[in-house]
PDB file of N, CA and C in Angstrom:
ATOM      1  N   MET A   1     -12.857   2.912 -16.960  1.00  0.00           N
ATOM      2  CA  MET A   1     -12.860   2.998 -15.508  1.00  0.00           C
ATOM      3  C   MET A   1     -11.835   4.050 -15.064  1.00  0.00           C
ATOM      4  N   LEU A   2     -12.209   4.842 -14.121  1.00  0.00           N
ATOM      5  CA  LEU A   2     -11.330   5.905 -13.625  1.00  0.00           C
ATOM      6  C   LEU A   2     -10.181   5.342 -12.802  1.00  0.00           C
ATOM      7  N   THR A   3      -9.077   6.059 -12.854  1.00  0.00           N
ATOM      8  CA  THR A   3      -7.931   5.667 -12.049  1.00  0.00           C
ATOM      9  C   THR A   3      -7.729   6.670 -10.919  1.00  0.00           C
ATOM     10  N   GLN A   4      -7.046   6.213  -9.899  1.00  0.00           N
ATOM     11  CA  GLN A   4      -6.730   7.023  -8.722  1.00  0.00           C
ATOM     12  C   GLN A   4      -5.220   7.211  -8.687  1.00  0.00           C
ATOM     13  N   PHE A   5      -4.775   8.434  -8.443  1.00  0.00           N
ATOM     14  CA  PHE A   5      -3.348   8.707  -8.285  1.00  0.00           C
ATOM     15  C   PHE A   5      -2.985   8.369  -6.842  1.00  0.00           C
ATOM     16  N   VAL A   6      -2.019   7.465  -6.674  1.00  0.00           N
ATOM     17  CA  VAL A   6      -1.605   7.020  -5.348  1.00  0.00           C
ATOM     18  C   VAL A   6      -0.094   7.133  -5.242  1.00  0.00           C
ATOM     19  N   VAL A   7       0.373   7.780  -4.188  1.00  0.00           N
ATOM     20  CA  VAL A   7       1.798   7.815  -3.883  1.00  0.00           C
ATOM     21  C   VAL A   7       2.026   6.780  -2.781  1.00  0.00           C
ATOM     22  N   VAL A   8       2.969   5.876  -3.033  1.00  0.00           N
ATOM     23  CA  VAL A   8       3.285   4.841  -2.046  1.00  0.00           C
ATOM     24  C   VAL A   8       4.707   5.074  -1.565  1.00  0.00           C
ATOM     25  N   SER A   9       4.856   5.188  -0.253  1.00  0.00           N
ATOM     26  CA  SER A   9       6.192   5.291   0.338  1.00  0.00           C
ATOM     27  C   SER A   9       6.349   4.141   1.322  1.00  0.00           C
ATOM     28  N   TYR A  10       7.580   3.715   1.506  1.00  0.00           N
ATOM     29  CA  TYR A  10       7.795   2.599   2.426  1.00  0.00           C
ATOM     30  C   TYR A  10       9.114   2.746   3.153  1.00  0.00           C
ATOM     31  N   ASP A  11       9.146   2.163   4.358  1.00  0.00           N
ATOM     32  CA  ASP A  11      10.340   2.139   5.195  1.00  0.00           C
ATOM     33  C   ASP A  11      10.461   0.709   5.706  1.00  0.00           C
ATOM     34  N   ILE A  12      11.318  -0.053   5.055  1.00  0.00           N
ATOM     35  CA  ILE A  12      11.479  -1.476   5.358  1.00  0.00           C
ATOM     36  C   ILE A  12      12.924  -1.704   5.784  1.00  0.00           C
ATOM     37  N   SER A  13      13.136  -2.244   6.966  1.00  0.00           N
ATOM     38  CA  SER A  13      14.496  -2.398   7.493  1.00  0.00           C
ATOM     39  C   SER A  13      15.246  -3.580   6.870  1.00  0.00           C
ATOM     40  N   ASN A  14      14.553  -4.638   6.523  1.00  0.00           N
ATOM     41  CA  ASN A  14      15.180  -5.844   5.982  1.00  0.00           C
ATOM     42  C   ASN A  14      15.400  -5.703   4.471  1.00  0.00           C
ATOM     43  N   ASP A  15      16.650  -5.880   4.029  1.00  0.00           N
ATOM     44  CA  ASP A  15      16.985  -5.705   2.616  1.00  0.00           C
ATOM     45  C   ASP A  15      16.168  -6.611   1.699  1.00  0.00           C
ATOM     46  N   ARG A  16      16.058  -7.871   2.053  1.00  0.00           N
ATOM     47  CA  ARG A  16      15.331  -8.825   1.204  1.00  0.00           C
ATOM     48  C   ARG A  16      13.856  -8.447   1.084  1.00  0.00           C
ATOM     49  N   ARG A  17      13.229  -8.113   2.203  1.00  0.00           N
ATOM     50  CA  ARG A  17      11.813  -7.710   2.196  1.00  0.00           C
ATOM     51  C   ARG A  17      11.623  -6.404   1.432  1.00  0.00           C
ATOM     52  N   ARG A  18      12.554  -5.466   1.626  1.00  0.00           N
ATOM     53  CA  ARG A  18      12.471  -4.181   0.924  1.00  0.00           C
ATOM     54  C   ARG A  18      12.549  -4.388  -0.590  1.00  0.00           C
ATOM     55  N   THR A  19      13.417  -5.276  -1.030  1.00  0.00           N
ATOM     56  CA  THR A  19      13.531  -5.574  -2.456  1.00  0.00           C
ATOM     57  C   THR A  19      12.244  -6.200  -2.986  1.00  0.00           C
ATOM     58  N   LYS A  20      11.643  -7.080  -2.219  1.00  0.00           N
ATOM     59  CA  LYS A  20      10.370  -7.701  -2.638  1.00  0.00           C
ATOM     60  C   LYS A  20       9.263  -6.658  -2.752  1.00  0.00           C
ATOM     61  N   VAL A  21       9.207  -5.736  -1.798  1.00  0.00           N
ATOM     62  CA  VAL A  21       8.210  -4.658  -1.852  1.00  0.00           C
ATOM     63  C   VAL A  21       8.436  -3.803  -3.097  1.00  0.00           C
ATOM     64  N   MET A  22       9.695  -3.461  -3.365  1.00  0.00           N
ATOM     65  CA  MET A  22      10.014  -2.663  -4.542  1.00  0.00           C
ATOM     66  C   MET A  22       9.581  -3.381  -5.824  1.00  0.00           C
ATOM     67  N   LYS A  23       9.824  -4.681  -5.917  1.00  0.00           N
ATOM     68  CA  LYS A  23       9.448  -5.457  -7.105  1.00  0.00           C
ATOM     69  C   LYS A  23       7.930  -5.476  -7.288  1.00  0.00           C
ATOM     70  N   VAL A  24       7.195  -5.611  -6.192  1.00  0.00           N
ATOM     71  CA  VAL A  24       5.730  -5.574  -6.278  1.00  0.00           C
ATOM     72  C   VAL A  24       5.283  -4.223  -6.819  1.00  0.00           C
ATOM     73  N   LEU A  25       5.813  -3.155  -6.250  1.00  0.00           N
ATOM     74  CA  LEU A  25       5.384  -1.816  -6.640  1.00  0.00           C
ATOM     75  C   LEU A  25       5.776  -1.470  -8.071  1.00  0.00           C
ATOM     76  N   GLU A  26       6.868  -2.034  -8.569  1.00  0.00           N
ATOM     77  CA  GLU A  26       7.257  -1.804  -9.968  1.00  0.00           C
ATOM     78  C   GLU A  26       6.163  -2.264 -10.931  1.00  0.00           C
ATOM     79  N   GLY A  27       5.358  -3.218 -10.504  1.00  0.00           N
ATOM     80  CA  GLY A  27       4.257  -3.698 -11.331  1.00  0.00           C
ATOM     81  C   GLY A  27       3.046  -2.775 -11.327  1.00  0.00           C
ATOM     82  N   TYR A  28       3.073  -1.756 -10.471  1.00  0.00           N
ATOM     83  CA  TYR A  28       1.916  -0.868 -10.331  1.00  0.00           C
ATOM     84  C   TYR A  28       2.194   0.589 -10.671  1.00  0.00           C
ATOM     85  N   GLY A  29       3.455   0.991 -10.629  1.00  0.00           N
ATOM     86  CA  GLY A  29       3.707   2.409 -10.844  1.00  0.00           C
ATOM     87  C   GLY A  29       5.147   2.720 -11.168  1.00  0.00           C
ATOM     88  N   ALA A  30       5.480   4.001 -11.088  1.00  0.00           N
ATOM     89  CA  ALA A  30       6.810   4.502 -11.428  1.00  0.00           C
ATOM     90  C   ALA A  30       7.618   4.740 -10.156  1.00  0.00           C
ATOM     91  N   HIS A  31       8.832   4.245 -10.148  1.00  0.00           N
ATOM     92  CA  HIS A  31       9.759   4.402  -9.031  1.00  0.00           C
ATOM     93  C   HIS A  31      10.368   5.800  -9.139  1.00  0.00           C
ATOM     94  N   VAL A  32       9.893   6.754  -8.337  1.00  0.00           N
ATOM     95  CA  VAL A  32      10.302   8.151  -8.498  1.00  0.00           C
ATOM     96  C   VAL A  32      11.381   8.599  -7.516  1.00  0.00           C
ATOM     97  N   GLN A  33      11.499   7.910  -6.394  1.00  0.00           N
ATOM     98  CA  GLN A  33      12.563   8.172  -5.432  1.00  0.00           C
ATOM     99  C   GLN A  33      12.892   6.856  -4.754  1.00  0.00           C
ATOM    100  N   TYR A  34      13.926   6.842  -3.924  1.00  0.00           N
ATOM    101  CA  TYR A  34      14.425   5.595  -3.353  1.00  0.00           C
ATOM    102  C   TYR A  34      13.312   4.694  -2.807  1.00  0.00           C
ATOM    103  N   SER A  35      12.446   5.193  -1.990  1.00  0.00           N
ATOM    104  CA  SER A  35      11.368   4.390  -1.409  1.00  0.00           C
ATOM    105  C   SER A  35       9.997   4.995  -1.697  1.00  0.00           C
ATOM    106  N   VAL A  36       9.842   5.557  -2.897  1.00  0.00           N
ATOM    107  CA  VAL A  36       8.588   6.228  -3.268  1.00  0.00           C
ATOM    108  C   VAL A  36       8.190   5.841  -4.690  1.00  0.00           C
ATOM    109  N   PHE A  37       6.919   5.483  -4.835  1.00  0.00           N
ATOM    110  CA  PHE A  37       6.345   5.181  -6.140  1.00  0.00           C
ATOM    111  C   PHE A  37       5.128   6.065  -6.373  1.00  0.00           C
ATOM    112  N   GLU A  38       4.928   6.464  -7.626  1.00  0.00           N
ATOM    113  CA  GLU A  38       3.696   7.135  -8.036  1.00  0.00           C
ATOM    114  C   GLU A  38       2.937   6.150  -8.914  1.00  0.00           C
ATOM    115  N   CYS A  39       1.657   5.985  -8.614  1.00  0.00           N
ATOM    116  CA  CYS A  39       0.848   5.006  -9.329  1.00  0.00           C
ATOM    117  C   CYS A  39      -0.474   5.635  -9.756  1.00  0.00           C
ATOM    118  N   ARG A  40      -0.964   5.222 -10.908  1.00  0.00           N
ATOM    119  CA  ARG A  40      -2.316   5.573 -11.355  1.00  0.00           C
ATOM    120  C   ARG A  40      -3.036   4.249 -11.520  1.00  0.00           C
ATOM    121  N   LEU A  41      -3.958   3.976 -10.593  1.00  0.00           N
ATOM    122  CA  LEU A  41      -4.526   2.636 -10.494  1.00  0.00           C
ATOM    123  C   LEU A  41      -6.046   2.625 -10.500  1.00  0.00           C
ATOM    124  N   LYS A  42      -6.588   1.536 -11.017  1.00  0.00           N
ATOM    125  CA  LYS A  42      -8.019   1.264 -10.923  1.00  0.00           C
ATOM    126  C   LYS A  42      -8.274   0.701  -9.524  1.00  0.00           C
ATOM    127  N   PRO A  43      -9.512   0.793  -9.034  1.00  0.00           N
ATOM    128  CA  PRO A  43      -9.810   0.278  -7.691  1.00  0.00           C
ATOM    129  C   PRO A  43      -9.368  -1.171  -7.470  1.00  0.00           C
ATOM    130  N   VAL A  44      -9.575  -2.032  -8.461  1.00  0.00           N
ATOM    131  CA  VAL A  44      -9.180  -3.434  -8.314  1.00  0.00           C
ATOM    132  C   VAL A  44      -7.664  -3.570  -8.188  1.00  0.00           C
ATOM    133  N   GLU A  45      -6.909  -2.709  -8.875  1.00  0.00           N
ATOM    134  CA  GLU A  45      -5.445  -2.734  -8.772  1.00  0.00           C
ATOM    135  C   GLU A  45      -4.985  -2.262  -7.393  1.00  0.00           C
ATOM    136  N   ILE A  46      -5.661  -1.272  -6.851  1.00  0.00           N
ATOM    137  CA  ILE A  46      -5.330  -0.795  -5.503  1.00  0.00           C
ATOM    138  C   ILE A  46      -5.536  -1.924  -4.500  1.00  0.00           C
ATOM    139  N   SER A  47      -6.633  -2.634  -4.643  1.00  0.00           N
ATOM    140  CA  SER A  47      -6.940  -3.748  -3.749  1.00  0.00           C
ATOM    141  C   SER A  47      -5.882  -4.847  -3.856  1.00  0.00           C
ATOM    142  N   GLU A  48      -5.492  -5.188  -5.077  1.00  0.00           N
ATOM    143  CA  GLU A  48      -4.471  -6.223  -5.288  1.00  0.00           C
ATOM    144  C   GLU A  48      -3.132  -5.785  -4.697  1.00  0.00           C
ATOM    145  N   MET A  49      -2.742  -4.539  -4.934  1.00  0.00           N
ATOM    146  CA  MET A  49      -1.488  -4.027  -4.427  1.00  0.00           C
ATOM    147  C   MET A  49      -1.488  -4.050  -2.898  1.00  0.00           C
ATOM    148  N   ARG A  50      -2.573  -3.611  -2.303  1.00  0.00           N
ATOM    149  CA  ARG A  50      -2.693  -3.581  -0.841  1.00  0.00           C
ATOM    150  C   ARG A  50      -2.522  -4.994  -0.263  1.00  0.00           C
ATOM    151  N   LYS A  51      -3.155  -5.988  -0.872  1.00  0.00           N
ATOM    152  CA  LYS A  51      -3.038  -7.379  -0.401  1.00  0.00           C
ATOM    153  C   LYS A  51      -1.591  -7.858  -0.466  1.00  0.00           C
ATOM    154  N   GLN A  52      -0.915  -7.551  -1.569  1.00  0.00           N
ATOM    155  CA  GLN A  52       0.476  -7.974  -1.717  1.00  0.00           C
ATOM    156  C   GLN A  52       1.375  -7.298  -0.696  1.00  0.00           C
ATOM    157  N   LEU A  53       1.150  -6.018  -0.464  1.00  0.00           N
ATOM    158  CA  LEU A  53       1.964  -5.293   0.508  1.00  0.00           C
ATOM    159  C   LEU A  53       1.747  -5.820   1.922  1.00  0.00           C
ATOM    160  N   LYS A  54       0.499  -6.129   2.265  1.00  0.00           N
ATOM    161  CA  LYS A  54       0.206  -6.637   3.615  1.00  0.00           C
ATOM    162  C   LYS A  54       0.940  -7.935   3.891  1.00  0.00           C
ATOM    163  N   LYS A  55       1.184  -8.740   2.857  1.00  0.00           N
ATOM    164  CA  LYS A  55       1.913 -10.004   3.021  1.00  0.00           C
ATOM    165  C   LYS A  55       3.399  -9.775   3.262  1.00  0.00           C
ATOM    166  N   LEU A  56       3.930  -8.657   2.785  1.00  0.00           N
ATOM    167  CA  LEU A  56       5.371  -8.422   2.824  1.00  0.00           C
ATOM    168  C   LEU A  56       5.841  -7.489   3.934  1.00  0.00           C
ATOM    169  N   VAL A  57       5.021  -6.539   4.328  1.00  0.00           N
ATOM    170  CA  VAL A  57       5.441  -5.517   5.282  1.00  0.00           C
ATOM    171  C   VAL A  57       5.389  -6.085   6.704  1.00  0.00           C
ATOM    172  N   GLY A  58       6.532  -6.067   7.375  1.00  0.00           N
ATOM    173  CA  GLY A  58       6.626  -6.592   8.734  1.00  0.00           C
ATOM    174  C   GLY A  58       6.073  -5.633   9.774  1.00  0.00           C
ATOM    175  N   LYS A  59       5.982  -6.096  11.008  1.00  0.00           N
ATOM    176  CA  LYS A  59       5.419  -5.294  12.096  1.00  0.00           C
ATOM    177  C   LYS A  59       6.238  -4.028  12.383  1.00  0.00           C
ATOM    178  N   ALA A  60       7.544  -4.088  12.216  1.00  0.00           N
ATOM    179  CA  ALA A  60       8.401  -2.932  12.485  1.00  0.00           C
ATOM    180  C   ALA A  60       8.552  -2.023  11.260  1.00  0.00           C
ATOM    181  N   ASP A  61       7.984  -2.444  10.121  1.00  0.00           N
ATOM    182  CA  ASP A  61       8.090  -1.694   8.868  1.00  0.00           C
ATOM    183  C   ASP A  61       6.845  -0.847   8.658  1.00  0.00           C
ATOM    184  N   SER A  62       6.873  -0.034   7.591  1.00  0.00           N
ATOM    185  CA  SER A  62       5.655   0.675   7.228  1.00  0.00           C
ATOM    186  C   SER A  62       5.611   0.915   5.723  1.00  0.00           C
ATOM    187  N   ALA A  63       4.405   0.914   5.224  1.00  0.00           N
ATOM    188  CA  ALA A  63       4.128   1.336   3.847  1.00  0.00           C
ATOM    189  C   ALA A  63       2.945   2.282   3.957  1.00  0.00           C
ATOM    190  N   ARG A  64       3.019   3.389   3.248  1.00  0.00           N
ATOM    191  CA  ARG A  64       1.955   4.396   3.296  1.00  0.00           C
ATOM    192  C   ARG A  64       1.431   4.634   1.903  1.00  0.00           C
ATOM    193  N   LEU A  65       0.112   4.689   1.781  1.00  0.00           N
ATOM    194  CA  LEU A  65      -0.550   4.976   0.522  1.00  0.00           C
ATOM    195  C   LEU A  65      -1.237   6.325   0.659  1.00  0.00           C
ATOM    196  N   TYR A  66      -0.849   7.269  -0.180  1.00  0.00           N
ATOM    197  CA  TYR A  66      -1.435   8.604  -0.180  1.00  0.00           C
ATOM    198  C   TYR A  66      -2.298   8.729  -1.426  1.00  0.00           C
ATOM    199  N   PHE A  67      -3.583   8.936  -1.255  1.00  0.00           N
ATOM    200  CA  PHE A  67      -4.523   9.062  -2.361  1.00  0.00           C
ATOM    201  C   PHE A  67      -4.685  10.549  -2.686  1.00  0.00           C
ATOM    202  N   ILE A  68      -4.387  10.903  -3.932  1.00  0.00           N
ATOM    203  CA  ILE A  68      -4.378  12.308  -4.333  1.00  0.00           C
ATOM    204  C   ILE A  68      -5.422  12.529  -5.419  1.00  0.00           C
ATOM    205  N   GLY A  69      -6.287  13.507  -5.210  1.00  0.00           N
ATOM    206  CA  GLY A  69      -7.343  13.828  -6.164  1.00  0.00           C
ATOM    207  C   GLY A  69      -6.793  14.457  -7.435  1.00  0.00           C
ATOM    208  N   ALA A  70      -7.576  14.379  -8.509  1.00  0.00           N
ATOM    209  CA  ALA A  70      -7.160  14.861  -9.827  1.00  0.00           C
ATOM    210  C   ALA A  70      -6.734  16.332  -9.805  1.00  0.00           C
ATOM    211  N   GLU A  71      -7.467  17.160  -9.084  1.00  0.00           N
ATOM    212  CA  GLU A  71      -7.110  18.582  -9.028  1.00  0.00           C
ATOM    213  C   GLU A  71      -5.787  18.798  -8.308  1.00  0.00           C
ATOM    214  N   ASP A  72      -5.530  18.000  -7.283  1.00  0.00           N
ATOM    215  CA  ASP A  72      -4.273  18.129  -6.542  1.00  0.00           C
ATOM    216  C   ASP A  72      -3.090  17.594  -7.342  1.00  0.00           C
ATOM    217  N   VAL A  73      -3.323  16.557  -8.163  1.00  0.00           N
ATOM    218  CA  VAL A  73      -2.242  16.031  -9.005  1.00  0.00           C
ATOM    219  C   VAL A  73      -1.727  17.130  -9.930  1.00  0.00           C
ATOM    220  N   LYS A  74      -2.637  17.960 -10.435  1.00  0.00           N
ATOM    221  CA  LYS A  74      -2.239  19.063 -11.328  1.00  0.00           C
ATOM    222  C   LYS A  74      -1.329  20.055 -10.616  1.00  0.00           C
ATOM    223  N   ARG A  75      -1.384  20.074  -9.290  1.00  0.00           N
ATOM    224  CA  ARG A  75      -0.605  21.041  -8.508  1.00  0.00           C
ATOM    225  C   ARG A  75       0.722  20.474  -7.996  1.00  0.00           C
ATOM    226  N   ILE A  76       1.021  19.208  -8.312  1.00  0.00           N
ATOM    227  CA  ILE A  76       2.285  18.625  -7.871  1.00  0.00           C
ATOM    228  C   ILE A  76       3.431  19.337  -8.572  1.00  0.00           C
ATOM    229  N   GLU A  77       4.411  19.693  -7.813  1.00  0.00           N
ATOM    230  CA  GLU A  77       5.569  20.426  -8.335  1.00  0.00           C
ATOM    231  C   GLU A  77       6.826  19.593  -8.132  1.00  0.00           C
ATOM    232  N   VAL A  78       7.606  19.449  -9.173  1.00  0.00           N
ATOM    233  CA  VAL A  78       8.882  18.736  -9.090  1.00  0.00           C
ATOM    234  C   VAL A  78       9.996  19.764  -9.226  1.00  0.00           C
ATOM    235  N   ILE A  79      10.870  19.782  -8.259  1.00  0.00           N
ATOM    236  CA  ILE A  79      12.032  20.671  -8.308  1.00  0.00           C
ATOM    237  C   ILE A  79      13.242  19.776  -8.572  1.00  0.00           C
ATOM    238  N   GLY A  80      13.974  20.067  -9.623  1.00  0.00           N
ATOM    239  CA  GLY A  80      15.076  19.204 -10.015  1.00  0.00           C
ATOM    240  C   GLY A  80      14.625  18.276 -11.133  1.00  0.00           C
ATOM    241  N   SER A  81      15.258  17.121 -11.231  1.00  0.00           N
ATOM    242  CA  SER A  81      14.954  16.214 -12.332  1.00  0.00           C
ATOM    243  C   SER A  81      13.720  15.370 -12.040  1.00  0.00           C
ATOM    244  N   GLY A  82      13.100  14.894 -13.111  1.00  0.00           N
ATOM    245  CA  GLY A  82      11.932  14.031 -12.983  1.00  0.00           C
ATOM    246  C   GLY A  82      10.659  14.754 -13.344  1.00  0.00           C
ATOM    247  N   GLU A  83       9.600  13.986 -13.441  1.00  0.00           N
ATOM    248  CA  GLU A  83       8.289  14.547 -13.738  1.00  0.00           C
ATOM    249  C   GLU A  83       7.224  13.704 -13.072  1.00  0.00           C
ATOM    250  N   VAL A  84       6.049  14.255 -12.929  1.00  0.00           N
ATOM    251  CA  VAL A  84       4.935  13.545 -12.314  1.00  0.00           C
ATOM    252  C   VAL A  84       4.506  12.424 -13.250  1.00  0.00           C
ATOM    253  N   THR A  85       4.259  11.273 -12.692  1.00  0.00           N
ATOM    254  CA  THR A  85       3.865  10.101 -13.478  1.00  0.00           C
ATOM    255  C   THR A  85       2.568  10.394 -14.218  1.00  0.00           C
ATOM    256  N   SER A  86       2.603  10.169 -15.521  1.00  0.00           N
ATOM    257  CA  SER A  86       1.413  10.439 -16.334  1.00  0.00           C
ATOM    258  C   SER A  86       0.540   9.203 -16.449  1.00  0.00           C
ATOM    259  N   GLU A  87      -0.607   9.387 -17.037  1.00  0.00           N
ATOM    260  CA  GLU A  87      -1.563   8.313 -17.266  1.00  0.00           C
ATOM    261  C   GLU A  87      -0.909   7.232 -18.121  1.00  0.00           C
ATOM    262  N   ARG A  88      -1.163   5.967 -17.784  1.00  0.00           N
ATOM    263  CA  ARG A  88      -0.631   4.872 -18.602  1.00  0.00           C
ATOM    264  C   ARG A  88      -1.390   4.828 -19.920  1.00  0.00           C
ATOM    265  N   MET A  89      -0.645   4.696 -20.993  1.00  0.00           N
ATOM    266  CA  MET A  89      -1.261   4.641 -22.315  1.00  0.00           C
ATOM    267  C   MET A  89      -1.368   3.182 -22.742  1.00  0.00           C
ATOM    268  N   VAL A  90      -2.528   2.807 -23.264  1.00  0.00           N
ATOM    269  CA  VAL A  90      -2.741   1.455 -23.762  1.00  0.00           C
ATOM    270  C   VAL A  90      -3.158   1.555 -25.203  1.00  0.00           C
ATOM    271  N   PHE A  91      -2.458   0.833 -26.057  1.00  0.00           N
ATOM    272  CA  PHE A  91      -2.771   0.828 -27.488  1.00  0.00           C
ATOM    273  C   PHE A  91      -3.261  -0.546 -27.887  1.00  0.00           C
ATOM    274  N   LEU A  92      -4.408  -0.602 -28.520  1.00  0.00           N
ATOM    275  CA  LEU A  92      -4.961  -1.864 -29.003  1.00  0.00           C
ATOM    276  C   LEU A  92      -4.885  -1.902 -30.511  1.00  0.00           C
ATOM    277  N   HIS A  93      -4.543  -3.054 -31.036  1.00  0.00           N
ATOM    278  CA  HIS A  93      -4.447  -3.202 -32.498  1.00  0.00           C
ATOM    279  C   HIS A  93      -5.734  -3.768 -33.041  1.00  0.00           C
TER     280      HIS A  93
END
């Protein structure tokens, strides 16, 4: 099944809620900046992540999901330290 590259950014004012959002996102992608995650997800994972975020994000907060196509992912440029999140590798024995 194909995966979608998704950048998730969030602005949460409450420390406890922000930590919960961060913990949820750690299960889906790489924490690349303070409030930014890069994720490579299957459609069902995107749906699950969206449901979890909707439960946590308050009315005064925001979470944004940016869907980036495969050709555009190749054009992402990192200046300074870090690298673009690569495909998750799964090894079966």
